[in-house]
Amino acid sequence: KYSTQHYTIIFNAFVWMQLFNEVNARKLENEINMFKGLLQNYVFLVVMLVTIIVQVLFVEAGGRFTSTEHLSAAQWLGCIFIGFISLPVGVLMRFIPTPSE
């Protein structure tokens, strides 16, 4: 049986993948630079910041309520790195040809 910490890592990595995918989803079609205009989109930045704060609170302070356990700094970095991988994957996916309508 897996530990609560194991499930916390999976949950945390999943949320970070979603956060980085939100950055990817800002640009449509074949636009490569998903960071263009990022700092001018205040609503997006606030949503990202609130999501990150809530995620940290869920993992670090949620306890039995969220069925999570404290993660070490290395585990946090590992989860964030796994989420970060979605950025280059999103760029690569833009090079996959799709049929035009």
PDB file of N, CA and C in Angstrom:
ATOM      1  N   LYS A   1       0.848  -1.185   0.000  1.00  0.00           N
ATOM      2  CA  LYS A   1       0.000   0.000   0.000  1.00  0.00           C
ATOM      3  C   LYS A   1       0.886   1.238   0.000  1.00  0.00           C
ATOM      4  N   TYR A   2       0.459   2.253  -0.769  1.00  0.00           N
ATOM      5  CA  TYR A   2       1.233   3.485  -0.861  1.00  0.00           C
ATOM      6  C   TYR A   2       0.926   4.407   0.317  1.00  0.00           C
ATOM      7  N   SER A   3       1.900   5.228   0.669  1.00  0.00           N
ATOM      8  CA  SER A   3       1.738   6.144   1.789  1.00  0.00           C
ATOM      9  C   SER A   3       1.011   7.414   1.356  1.00  0.00           C
ATOM     10  N   THR A   4       0.551   8.157   2.342  1.00  0.00           N
ATOM     11  CA  THR A   4      -0.085   9.439   2.064  1.00  0.00           C
ATOM     12  C   THR A   4       0.887  10.374   1.371  1.00  0.00           C
ATOM     13  N   GLN A   5       2.158  10.289   1.741  1.00  0.00           N
ATOM     14  CA  GLN A   5       3.158  11.143   1.111  1.00  0.00           C
ATOM     15  C   GLN A   5       3.290  10.833  -0.382  1.00  0.00           C
ATOM     16  N   HIS A   6       3.203   9.558  -0.724  1.00  0.00           N
ATOM     17  CA  HIS A   6       3.263   9.157  -2.136  1.00  0.00           C
ATOM     18  C   HIS A   6       2.114   9.810  -2.910  1.00  0.00           C
ATOM     19  N   TYR A   7       0.909   9.735  -2.373  1.00  0.00           N
ATOM     20  CA  TYR A   7      -0.245  10.339  -3.040  1.00  0.00           C
ATOM     21  C   TYR A   7      -0.138  11.861  -3.067  1.00  0.00           C
ATOM     22  N   THR A   8       0.456  12.445  -2.028  1.00  0.00           N
ATOM     23  CA  THR A   8       0.663  13.894  -2.007  1.00  0.00           C
ATOM     24  C   THR A   8       1.578  14.318  -3.143  1.00  0.00           C
ATOM     25  N   ILE A   9       2.645  13.562  -3.386  1.00  0.00           N
ATOM     26  CA  ILE A   9       3.571  13.876  -4.482  1.00  0.00           C
ATOM     27  C   ILE A   9       2.849  13.791  -5.824  1.00  0.00           C
ATOM     28  N   ILE A  10       2.054  12.758  -6.015  1.00  0.00           N
ATOM     29  CA  ILE A  10       1.302  12.615  -7.270  1.00  0.00           C
ATOM     30  C   ILE A  10       0.340  13.793  -7.446  1.00  0.00           C
ATOM     31  N   PHE A  11      -0.397  14.108  -6.399  1.00  0.00           N
ATOM     32  CA  PHE A  11      -1.342  15.225  -6.443  1.00  0.00           C
ATOM     33  C   PHE A  11      -0.623  16.538  -6.735  1.00  0.00           C
ATOM     34  N   ASN A  12       0.483  16.793  -6.043  1.00  0.00           N
ATOM     35  CA  ASN A  12       1.226  18.035  -6.206  1.00  0.00           C
ATOM     36  C   ASN A  12       1.802  18.150  -7.618  1.00  0.00           C
ATOM     37  N   ALA A  13       2.376  17.079  -8.121  1.00  0.00           N
ATOM     38  CA  ALA A  13       2.925  17.096  -9.482  1.00  0.00           C
ATOM     39  C   ALA A  13       1.813  17.354 -10.499  1.00  0.00           C
ATOM     40  N   PHE A  14       0.656  16.749 -10.303  1.00  0.00           N
ATOM     41  CA  PHE A  14      -0.473  16.955 -11.209  1.00  0.00           C
ATOM     42  C   PHE A  14      -0.898  18.426 -11.231  1.00  0.00           C
ATOM     43  N   VAL A  15      -1.002  19.038 -10.065  1.00  0.00           N
ATOM     44  CA  VAL A  15      -1.413  20.443 -10.001  1.00  0.00           C
ATOM     45  C   VAL A  15      -0.379  21.323 -10.695  1.00  0.00           C
ATOM     46  N   TRP A  16       0.909  21.050 -10.505  1.00  0.00           N
ATOM     47  CA  TRP A  16       1.937  21.844 -11.177  1.00  0.00           C
ATOM     48  C   TRP A  16       1.907  21.641 -12.690  1.00  0.00           C
ATOM     49  N   MET A  17       1.593  20.433 -13.134  1.00  0.00           N
ATOM     50  CA  MET A  17       1.439  20.225 -14.578  1.00  0.00           C
ATOM     51  C   MET A  17       0.285  21.083 -15.106  1.00  0.00           C
ATOM     52  N   GLN A  18      -0.794  21.162 -14.356  1.00  0.00           N
ATOM     53  CA  GLN A  18      -1.930  21.981 -14.769  1.00  0.00           C
ATOM     54  C   GLN A  18      -1.562  23.460 -14.804  1.00  0.00           C
ATOM     55  N   LEU A  19      -0.806  23.907 -13.815  1.00  0.00           N
ATOM     56  CA  LEU A  19      -0.403  25.312 -13.777  1.00  0.00           C
ATOM     57  C   LEU A  19       0.466  25.669 -14.981  1.00  0.00           C
ATOM     58  N   PHE A  20       1.447  24.833 -15.277  1.00  0.00           N
ATOM     59  CA  PHE A  20       2.302  25.115 -16.430  1.00  0.00           C
ATOM     60  C   PHE A  20       1.519  24.958 -17.737  1.00  0.00           C
ATOM     61  N   ASN A  21       0.546  24.074 -17.758  1.00  0.00           N
ATOM     62  CA  ASN A  21      -0.282  23.926 -18.955  1.00  0.00           C
ATOM     63  C   ASN A  21      -1.151  25.164 -19.171  1.00  0.00           C
ATOM     64  N   GLU A  22      -1.547  25.835 -18.099  1.00  0.00           N
ATOM     65  CA  GLU A  22      -2.285  27.084 -18.242  1.00  0.00           C
ATOM     66  C   GLU A  22      -1.432  28.119 -18.965  1.00  0.00           C
ATOM     67  N   VAL A  23      -0.135  28.134 -18.681  1.00  0.00           N
ATOM     68  CA  VAL A  23       0.771  29.041 -19.390  1.00  0.00           C
ATOM     69  C   VAL A  23       0.821  28.643 -20.868  1.00  0.00           C
ATOM     70  N   ASN A  24       0.923  27.337 -21.132  1.00  0.00           N
ATOM     71  CA  ASN A  24       0.923  26.846 -22.515  1.00  0.00           C
ATOM     72  C   ASN A  24      -0.348  27.232 -23.255  1.00  0.00           C
ATOM     73  N   ALA A  25      -1.465  27.167 -22.575  1.00  0.00           N
ATOM     74  CA  ALA A  25      -2.762  27.376 -23.215  1.00  0.00           C
ATOM     75  C   ALA A  25      -3.053  28.846 -23.498  1.00  0.00           C
ATOM     76  N   ARG A  26      -2.196  29.738 -23.047  1.00  0.00           N
ATOM     77  CA  ARG A  26      -2.412  31.166 -23.312  1.00  0.00           C
ATOM     78  C   ARG A  26      -2.321  31.482 -24.794  1.00  0.00           C
ATOM     79  N   LYS A  27      -1.540  30.730 -25.536  1.00  0.00           N
ATOM     80  CA  LYS A  27      -1.349  31.003 -26.960  1.00  0.00           C
ATOM     81  C   LYS A  27      -1.954  29.883 -27.779  1.00  0.00           C
ATOM     82  N   LEU A  28      -2.607  30.271 -28.849  1.00  0.00           N
ATOM     83  CA  LEU A  28      -3.249  29.298 -29.722  1.00  0.00           C
ATOM     84  C   LEU A  28      -2.492  29.205 -31.034  1.00  0.00           C
ATOM     85  N   GLU A  29      -2.919  28.265 -31.838  1.00  0.00           N
ATOM     86  CA  GLU A  29      -2.319  28.049 -33.160  1.00  0.00           C
ATOM     87  C   GLU A  29      -0.841  27.702 -33.023  1.00  0.00           C
ATOM     88  N   ASN A  30       0.008  28.358 -33.809  1.00  0.00           N
ATOM     89  CA  ASN A  30       1.423  28.005 -33.828  1.00  0.00           C
ATOM     90  C   ASN A  30       2.301  29.053 -33.157  1.00  0.00           C
ATOM     91  N   GLU A  31       1.742  29.814 -32.248  1.00  0.00           N
ATOM     92  CA  GLU A  31       2.524  30.804 -31.527  1.00  0.00           C
ATOM     93  C   GLU A  31       3.445  30.093 -30.542  1.00  0.00           C
ATOM     94  N   ILE A  32       4.736  30.343 -30.675  1.00  0.00           N
ATOM     95  CA  ILE A  32       5.716  29.621 -29.864  1.00  0.00           C
ATOM     96  C   ILE A  32       5.925  30.281 -28.503  1.00  0.00           C
ATOM     97  N   ASN A  33       5.992  31.605 -28.462  1.00  0.00           N
ATOM     98  CA  ASN A  33       6.312  32.315 -27.224  1.00  0.00           C
ATOM     99  C   ASN A  33       5.068  32.479 -26.357  1.00  0.00           C
ATOM    100  N   MET A  34       4.867  31.523 -25.457  1.00  0.00           N
ATOM    101  CA  MET A  34       3.689  31.574 -24.604  1.00  0.00           C
ATOM    102  C   MET A  34       3.838  32.583 -23.467  1.00  0.00           C
ATOM    103  N   PHE A  35       5.035  33.155 -23.318  1.00  0.00           N
ATOM    104  CA  PHE A  35       5.265  34.138 -22.264  1.00  0.00           C
ATOM    105  C   PHE A  35       4.993  35.572 -22.723  1.00  0.00           C
ATOM    106  N   LYS A  36       4.805  35.775 -24.021  1.00  0.00           N
ATOM    107  CA  LYS A  36       4.574  37.110 -24.560  1.00  0.00           C
ATOM    108  C   LYS A  36       3.306  37.702 -23.948  1.00  0.00           C
ATOM    109  N   GLY A  37       3.437  38.874 -23.335  1.00  0.00           N
ATOM    110  CA  GLY A  37       2.307  39.555 -22.721  1.00  0.00           C
ATOM    111  C   GLY A  37       1.873  38.991 -21.392  1.00  0.00           C
ATOM    112  N   LEU A  38       2.612  38.051 -20.844  1.00  0.00           N
ATOM    113  CA  LEU A  38       2.222  37.400 -19.593  1.00  0.00           C
ATOM    114  C   LEU A  38       2.088  38.400 -18.455  1.00  0.00           C
ATOM    115  N   LEU A  39       3.037  39.307 -18.327  1.00  0.00           N
ATOM    116  CA  LEU A  39       3.034  40.243 -17.206  1.00  0.00           C
ATOM    117  C   LEU A  39       1.980  41.336 -17.350  1.00  0.00           C
ATOM    118  N   GLN A  40       1.368  41.464 -18.521  1.00  0.00           N
ATOM    119  CA  GLN A  40       0.299  42.440 -18.703  1.00  0.00           C
ATOM    120  C   GLN A  40      -1.079  41.853 -18.416  1.00  0.00           C
ATOM    121  N   ASN A  41      -1.152  40.550 -18.257  1.00  0.00           N
ATOM    122  CA  ASN A  41      -2.432  39.889 -18.016  1.00  0.00           C
ATOM    123  C   ASN A  41      -2.597  39.680 -16.507  1.00  0.00           C
ATOM    124  N   TYR A  42      -3.114  40.709 -15.827  1.00  0.00           N
ATOM    125  CA  TYR A  42      -3.181  40.687 -14.366  1.00  0.00           C
ATOM    126  C   TYR A  42      -4.157  39.640 -13.833  1.00  0.00           C
ATOM    127  N   VAL A  43      -5.245  39.415 -14.528  1.00  0.00           N
ATOM    128  CA  VAL A  43      -6.201  38.400 -14.077  1.00  0.00           C
ATOM    129  C   VAL A  43      -5.546  37.028 -14.087  1.00  0.00           C
ATOM    130  N   PHE A  44      -4.828  36.724 -15.160  1.00  0.00           N
ATOM    131  CA  PHE A  44      -4.136  35.446 -15.254  1.00  0.00           C
ATOM    132  C   PHE A  44      -3.116  35.307 -14.122  1.00  0.00           C
ATOM    133  N   LEU A  45      -2.349  36.360 -13.864  1.00  0.00           N
ATOM    134  CA  LEU A  45      -1.334  36.312 -12.811  1.00  0.00           C
ATOM    135  C   LEU A  45      -1.959  36.115 -11.437  1.00  0.00           C
ATOM    136  N   VAL A  46      -3.084  36.771 -11.186  1.00  0.00           N
ATOM    137  CA  VAL A  46      -3.756  36.615  -9.892  1.00  0.00           C
ATOM    138  C   VAL A  46      -4.280  35.192  -9.737  1.00  0.00           C
ATOM    139  N   VAL A  47      -4.883  34.651 -10.787  1.00  0.00           N
ATOM    140  CA  VAL A  47      -5.383  33.269 -10.731  1.00  0.00           C
ATOM    141  C   VAL A  47      -4.228  32.296 -10.466  1.00  0.00           C
ATOM    142  N   MET A  48      -3.117  32.494 -11.152  1.00  0.00           N
ATOM    143  CA  MET A  48      -1.951  31.622 -10.941  1.00  0.00           C
ATOM    144  C   MET A  48      -1.436  31.736  -9.503  1.00  0.00           C
ATOM    145  N   LEU A  49      -1.312  32.965  -9.014  1.00  0.00           N
ATOM    146  CA  LEU A  49      -0.800  33.184  -7.668  1.00  0.00           C
ATOM    147  C   LEU A  49      -1.711  32.562  -6.614  1.00  0.00           C
ATOM    148  N   VAL A  50      -3.012  32.771  -6.761  1.00  0.00           N
ATOM    149  CA  VAL A  50      -3.970  32.195  -5.804  1.00  0.00           C
ATOM    150  C   VAL A  50      -3.910  30.673  -5.856  1.00  0.00           C
ATOM    151  N   THR A  51      -3.826  30.107  -7.046  1.00  0.00           N
ATOM    152  CA  THR A  51      -3.739  28.651  -7.183  1.00  0.00           C
ATOM    153  C   THR A  51      -2.491  28.112  -6.507  1.00  0.00           C
ATOM    154  N   ILE A  52      -1.371  28.789  -6.677  1.00  0.00           N
ATOM    155  CA  ILE A  52      -0.118  28.349  -6.048  1.00  0.00           C
ATOM    156  C   ILE A  52      -0.223  28.435  -4.533  1.00  0.00           C
ATOM    157  N   ILE A  53      -0.778  29.533  -4.019  1.00  0.00           N
ATOM    158  CA  ILE A  53      -0.921  29.680  -2.566  1.00  0.00           C
ATOM    159  C   ILE A  53      -1.824  28.597  -1.998  1.00  0.00           C
ATOM    160  N   VAL A  54      -2.960  28.358  -2.655  1.00  0.00           N
ATOM    161  CA  VAL A  54      -3.883  27.320  -2.180  1.00  0.00           C
ATOM    162  C   VAL A  54      -3.220  25.943  -2.245  1.00  0.00           C
ATOM    163  N   GLN A  55      -2.442  25.681  -3.295  1.00  0.00           N
ATOM    164  CA  GLN A  55      -1.761  24.386  -3.404  1.00  0.00           C
ATOM    165  C   GLN A  55      -0.765  24.194  -2.263  1.00  0.00           C
ATOM    166  N   VAL A  56       0.009  25.224  -1.972  1.00  0.00           N
ATOM    167  CA  VAL A  56       0.970  25.126  -0.867  1.00  0.00           C
ATOM    168  C   VAL A  56       0.235  24.891   0.445  1.00  0.00           C
ATOM    169  N   LEU A  57      -0.860  25.597   0.659  1.00  0.00           N
ATOM    170  CA  LEU A  57      -1.634  25.400   1.886  1.00  0.00           C
ATOM    171  C   LEU A  57      -2.234  24.000   1.954  1.00  0.00           C
ATOM    172  N   PHE A  58      -2.766  23.506   0.825  1.00  0.00           N
ATOM    173  CA  PHE A  58      -3.323  22.151   0.800  1.00  0.00           C
ATOM    174  C   PHE A  58      -2.280  21.122   1.191  1.00  0.00           C
ATOM    175  N   VAL A  59      -1.095  21.242   0.608  1.00  0.00           N
ATOM    176  CA  VAL A  59      -0.064  20.227   0.843  1.00  0.00           C
ATOM    177  C   VAL A  59       0.543  20.379   2.235  1.00  0.00           C
ATOM    178  N   GLU A  60       0.897  21.590   2.600  1.00  0.00           N
ATOM    179  CA  GLU A  60       1.642  21.787   3.844  1.00  0.00           C
ATOM    180  C   GLU A  60       0.767  21.875   5.083  1.00  0.00           C
ATOM    181  N   ALA A  61      -0.468  22.344   4.942  1.00  0.00           N
ATOM    182  CA  ALA A  61      -1.307  22.532   6.122  1.00  0.00           C
ATOM    183  C   ALA A  61      -2.621  21.757   6.052  1.00  0.00           C
ATOM    184  N   GLY A  62      -2.866  21.079   4.937  1.00  0.00           N
ATOM    185  CA  GLY A  62      -4.144  20.389   4.767  1.00  0.00           C
ATOM    186  C   GLY A  62      -4.329  19.210   5.687  1.00  0.00           C
ATOM    187  N   GLY A  63      -3.256  18.458   5.893  1.00  0.00           N
ATOM    188  CA  GLY A  63      -3.313  17.320   6.799  1.00  0.00           C
ATOM    189  C   GLY A  63      -4.402  16.323   6.446  1.00  0.00           C
ATOM    190  N   ARG A  64      -5.139  15.917   7.455  1.00  0.00           N
ATOM    191  CA  ARG A  64      -6.189  14.920   7.239  1.00  0.00           C
ATOM    192  C   ARG A  64      -7.333  15.462   6.401  1.00  0.00           C
ATOM    193  N   PHE A  65      -7.580  16.782   6.472  1.00  0.00           N
ATOM    194  CA  PHE A  65      -8.673  17.389   5.708  1.00  0.00           C
ATOM    195  C   PHE A  65      -8.474  17.178   4.214  1.00  0.00           C
ATOM    196  N   THR A  66      -7.239  17.331   3.719  1.00  0.00           N
ATOM    197  CA  THR A  66      -6.954  17.148   2.298  1.00  0.00           C
ATOM    198  C   THR A  66      -6.211  15.845   2.013  1.00  0.00           C
ATOM    199  N   SER A  67      -6.000  15.046   3.041  1.00  0.00           N
ATOM    200  CA  SER A  67      -5.267  13.775   2.920  1.00  0.00           C
ATOM    201  C   SER A  67      -3.884  13.976   2.298  1.00  0.00           C
ATOM    202  N   THR A  68      -3.178  14.996   2.788  1.00  0.00           N
ATOM    203  CA  THR A  68      -1.832  15.283   2.297  1.00  0.00           C
ATOM    204  C   THR A  68      -0.854  15.324   3.462  1.00  0.00           C
ATOM    205  N   GLU A  69       0.431  15.218   3.121  1.00  0.00           N
ATOM    206  CA  GLU A  69       1.511  15.302   4.100  1.00  0.00           C
ATOM    207  C   GLU A  69       2.523  16.341   3.647  1.00  0.00           C
ATOM    208  N   HIS A  70       3.272  16.838   4.611  1.00  0.00           N
ATOM    209  CA  HIS A  70       4.359  17.780   4.335  1.00  0.00           C
ATOM    210  C   HIS A  70       5.343  17.151   3.348  1.00  0.00           C
ATOM    211  N   LEU A  71       5.829  17.949   2.399  1.00  0.00           N
ATOM    212  CA  LEU A  71       6.850  17.495   1.459  1.00  0.00           C
ATOM    213  C   LEU A  71       8.143  18.243   1.721  1.00  0.00           C
ATOM    214  N   SER A  72       9.254  17.571   1.492  1.00  0.00           N
ATOM    215  CA  SER A  72      10.564  18.206   1.640  1.00  0.00           C
ATOM    216  C   SER A  72      10.803  19.159   0.473  1.00  0.00           C
ATOM    217  N   ALA A  73      11.830  19.981   0.597  1.00  0.00           N
ATOM    218  CA  ALA A  73      12.172  20.920  -0.481  1.00  0.00           C
ATOM    219  C   ALA A  73      12.512  20.159  -1.762  1.00  0.00           C
ATOM    220  N   ALA A  74      13.215  19.056  -1.637  1.00  0.00           N
ATOM    221  CA  ALA A  74      13.563  18.254  -2.823  1.00  0.00           C
ATOM    222  C   ALA A  74      12.318  17.687  -3.489  1.00  0.00           C
ATOM    223  N   GLN A  75      11.356  17.259  -2.700  1.00  0.00           N
ATOM    224  CA  GLN A  75      10.112  16.728  -3.264  1.00  0.00           C
ATOM    225  C   GLN A  75       9.316  17.834  -3.949  1.00  0.00           C
ATOM    226  N   TRP A  76       9.286  19.019  -3.353  1.00  0.00           N
ATOM    227  CA  TRP A  76       8.618  20.155  -3.986  1.00  0.00           C
ATOM    228  C   TRP A  76       9.284  20.480  -5.317  1.00  0.00           C
ATOM    229  N   LEU A  77      10.606  20.550  -5.327  1.00  0.00           N
ATOM    230  CA  LEU A  77      11.319  20.852  -6.571  1.00  0.00           C
ATOM    231  C   LEU A  77      11.073  19.788  -7.622  1.00  0.00           C
ATOM    232  N   GLY A  78      11.031  18.533  -7.202  1.00  0.00           N
ATOM    233  CA  GLY A  78      10.746  17.446  -8.133  1.00  0.00           C
ATOM    234  C   GLY A  78       9.363  17.588  -8.751  1.00  0.00           C
ATOM    235  N   CYS A  79       8.375  17.925  -7.929  1.00  0.00           N
ATOM    236  CA  CYS A  79       7.004  18.110  -8.433  1.00  0.00           C
ATOM    237  C   CYS A  79       6.936  19.286  -9.403  1.00  0.00           C
ATOM    238  N   ILE A  80       7.599  20.385  -9.046  1.00  0.00           N
ATOM    239  CA  ILE A  80       7.587  21.560  -9.920  1.00  0.00           C
ATOM    240  C   ILE A  80       8.311  21.241 -11.227  1.00  0.00           C
ATOM    241  N   PHE A  81       9.404  20.502 -11.159  1.00  0.00           N
ATOM    242  CA  PHE A  81      10.131  20.128 -12.375  1.00  0.00           C
ATOM    243  C   PHE A  81       9.268  19.247 -13.281  1.00  0.00           C
ATOM    244  N   ILE A  82       8.565  18.296 -12.698  1.00  0.00           N
ATOM    245  CA  ILE A  82       7.674  17.437 -13.490  1.00  0.00           C
ATOM    246  C   ILE A  82       6.619  18.308 -14.176  1.00  0.00           C
ATOM    247  N   GLY A  83       6.079  19.280 -13.451  1.00  0.00           N
ATOM    248  CA  GLY A  83       5.116  20.192 -14.058  1.00  0.00           C
ATOM    249  C   GLY A  83       5.734  21.028 -15.152  1.00  0.00           C
ATOM    250  N   PHE A  84       6.972  21.461 -14.943  1.00  0.00           N
ATOM    251  CA  PHE A  84       7.677  22.297 -15.924  1.00  0.00           C
ATOM    252  C   PHE A  84       7.845  21.581 -17.259  1.00  0.00           C
ATOM    253  N   ILE A  85       7.946  20.268 -17.223  1.00  0.00           N
ATOM    254  CA  ILE A  85       8.134  19.491 -18.455  1.00  0.00           C
ATOM    255  C   ILE A  85       7.005  19.756 -19.445  1.00  0.00           C
ATOM    256  N   SER A  86       5.837  20.144 -18.958  1.00  0.00           N
ATOM    257  CA  SER A  86       4.722  20.404 -19.877  1.00  0.00           C
ATOM    258  C   SER A  86       4.975  21.619 -20.761  1.00  0.00           C
ATOM    259  N   LEU A  87       5.858  22.537 -20.370  1.00  0.00           N
ATOM    260  CA  LEU A  87       6.154  23.692 -21.222  1.00  0.00           C
ATOM    261  C   LEU A  87       6.834  23.277 -22.523  1.00  0.00           C
ATOM    262  N   PRO A  88       7.974  22.567 -22.481  1.00  0.00           N
ATOM    263  CA  PRO A  88       8.571  22.154 -23.758  1.00  0.00           C
ATOM    264  C   PRO A  88       7.689  21.177 -24.536  1.00  0.00           C
ATOM    265  N   VAL A  89       6.921  20.348 -23.840  1.00  0.00           N
ATOM    266  CA  VAL A  89       6.010  19.446 -24.543  1.00  0.00           C
ATOM    267  C   VAL A  89       4.969  20.270 -25.305  1.00  0.00           C
ATOM    268  N   GLY A  90       4.470  21.329 -24.685  1.00  0.00           N
ATOM    269  CA  GLY A  90       3.502  22.195 -25.351  1.00  0.00           C
ATOM    270  C   GLY A  90       4.088  22.863 -26.582  1.00  0.00           C
ATOM    271  N   VAL A  91       5.355  23.277 -26.501  1.00  0.00           N
ATOM    272  CA  VAL A  91       6.010  23.884 -27.667  1.00  0.00           C
ATOM    273  C   VAL A  91       6.165  22.839 -28.770  1.00  0.00           C
ATOM    274  N   LEU A  92       6.616  21.652 -28.410  1.00  0.00           N
ATOM    275  CA  LEU A  92       6.784  20.593 -29.415  1.00  0.00           C
ATOM    276  C   LEU A  92       5.459  20.234 -30.082  1.00  0.00           C
ATOM    277  N   MET A  93       4.385  20.248 -29.319  1.00  0.00           N
ATOM    278  CA  MET A  93       3.079  19.906 -29.885  1.00  0.00           C
ATOM    279  C   MET A  93       2.634  20.917 -30.937  1.00  0.00           C
ATOM    280  N   ARG A  94       3.127  22.124 -30.862  1.00  0.00           N
ATOM    281  CA  ARG A  94       2.768  23.143 -31.856  1.00  0.00           C
ATOM    282  C   ARG A  94       3.369  22.828 -33.230  1.00  0.00           C
ATOM    283  N   PHE A  95       4.359  21.969 -33.267  1.00  0.00           N
ATOM    284  CA  PHE A  95       4.989  21.603 -34.532  1.00  0.00           C
ATOM    285  C   PHE A  95       4.325  20.392 -35.192  1.00  0.00           C
ATOM    286  N   ILE A  96       3.372  19.768 -34.530  1.00  0.00           N
ATOM    287  CA  ILE A  96       2.654  18.645 -35.100  1.00  0.00           C
ATOM    288  C   ILE A  96       1.640  19.187 -36.100  1.00  0.00           C
ATOM    289  N   PRO A  97       1.744  18.788 -37.362  1.00  0.00           N
ATOM    290  CA  PRO A  97       0.805  19.333 -38.352  1.00  0.00           C
ATOM    291  C   PRO A  97      -0.622  18.840 -38.096  1.00  0.00           C
ATOM    292  N   THR A  98      -1.548  19.743 -38.288  1.00  0.00           N
ATOM    293  CA  THR A  98      -2.964  19.401 -38.142  1.00  0.00           C
ATOM    294  C   THR A  98      -3.671  19.763 -39.442  1.00  0.00           C
ATOM    295  N   PRO A  99      -4.702  19.016 -39.798  1.00  0.00           N
ATOM    296  CA  PRO A  99      -5.418  19.341 -41.029  1.00  0.00           C
ATOM    297  C   PRO A  99      -6.105  20.702 -40.913  1.00  0.00           C
ATOM    298  N   SER A 100      -5.996  21.494 -41.959  1.00  0.00           N
ATOM    299  CA  SER A 100      -6.653  22.798 -41.942  1.00  0.00           C
ATOM    300  C   SER A 100      -8.125  22.615 -42.292  1.00  0.00           C
ATOM    301  N   GLU A 101      -8.926  23.514 -41.779  1.00  0.00           N
ATOM    302  CA  GLU A 101     -10.373  23.390 -41.993  1.00  0.00           C
ATOM    303  C   GLU A 101     -10.815  24.201 -43.161  1.00  0.00           C
TER     304      GLU A 101
END
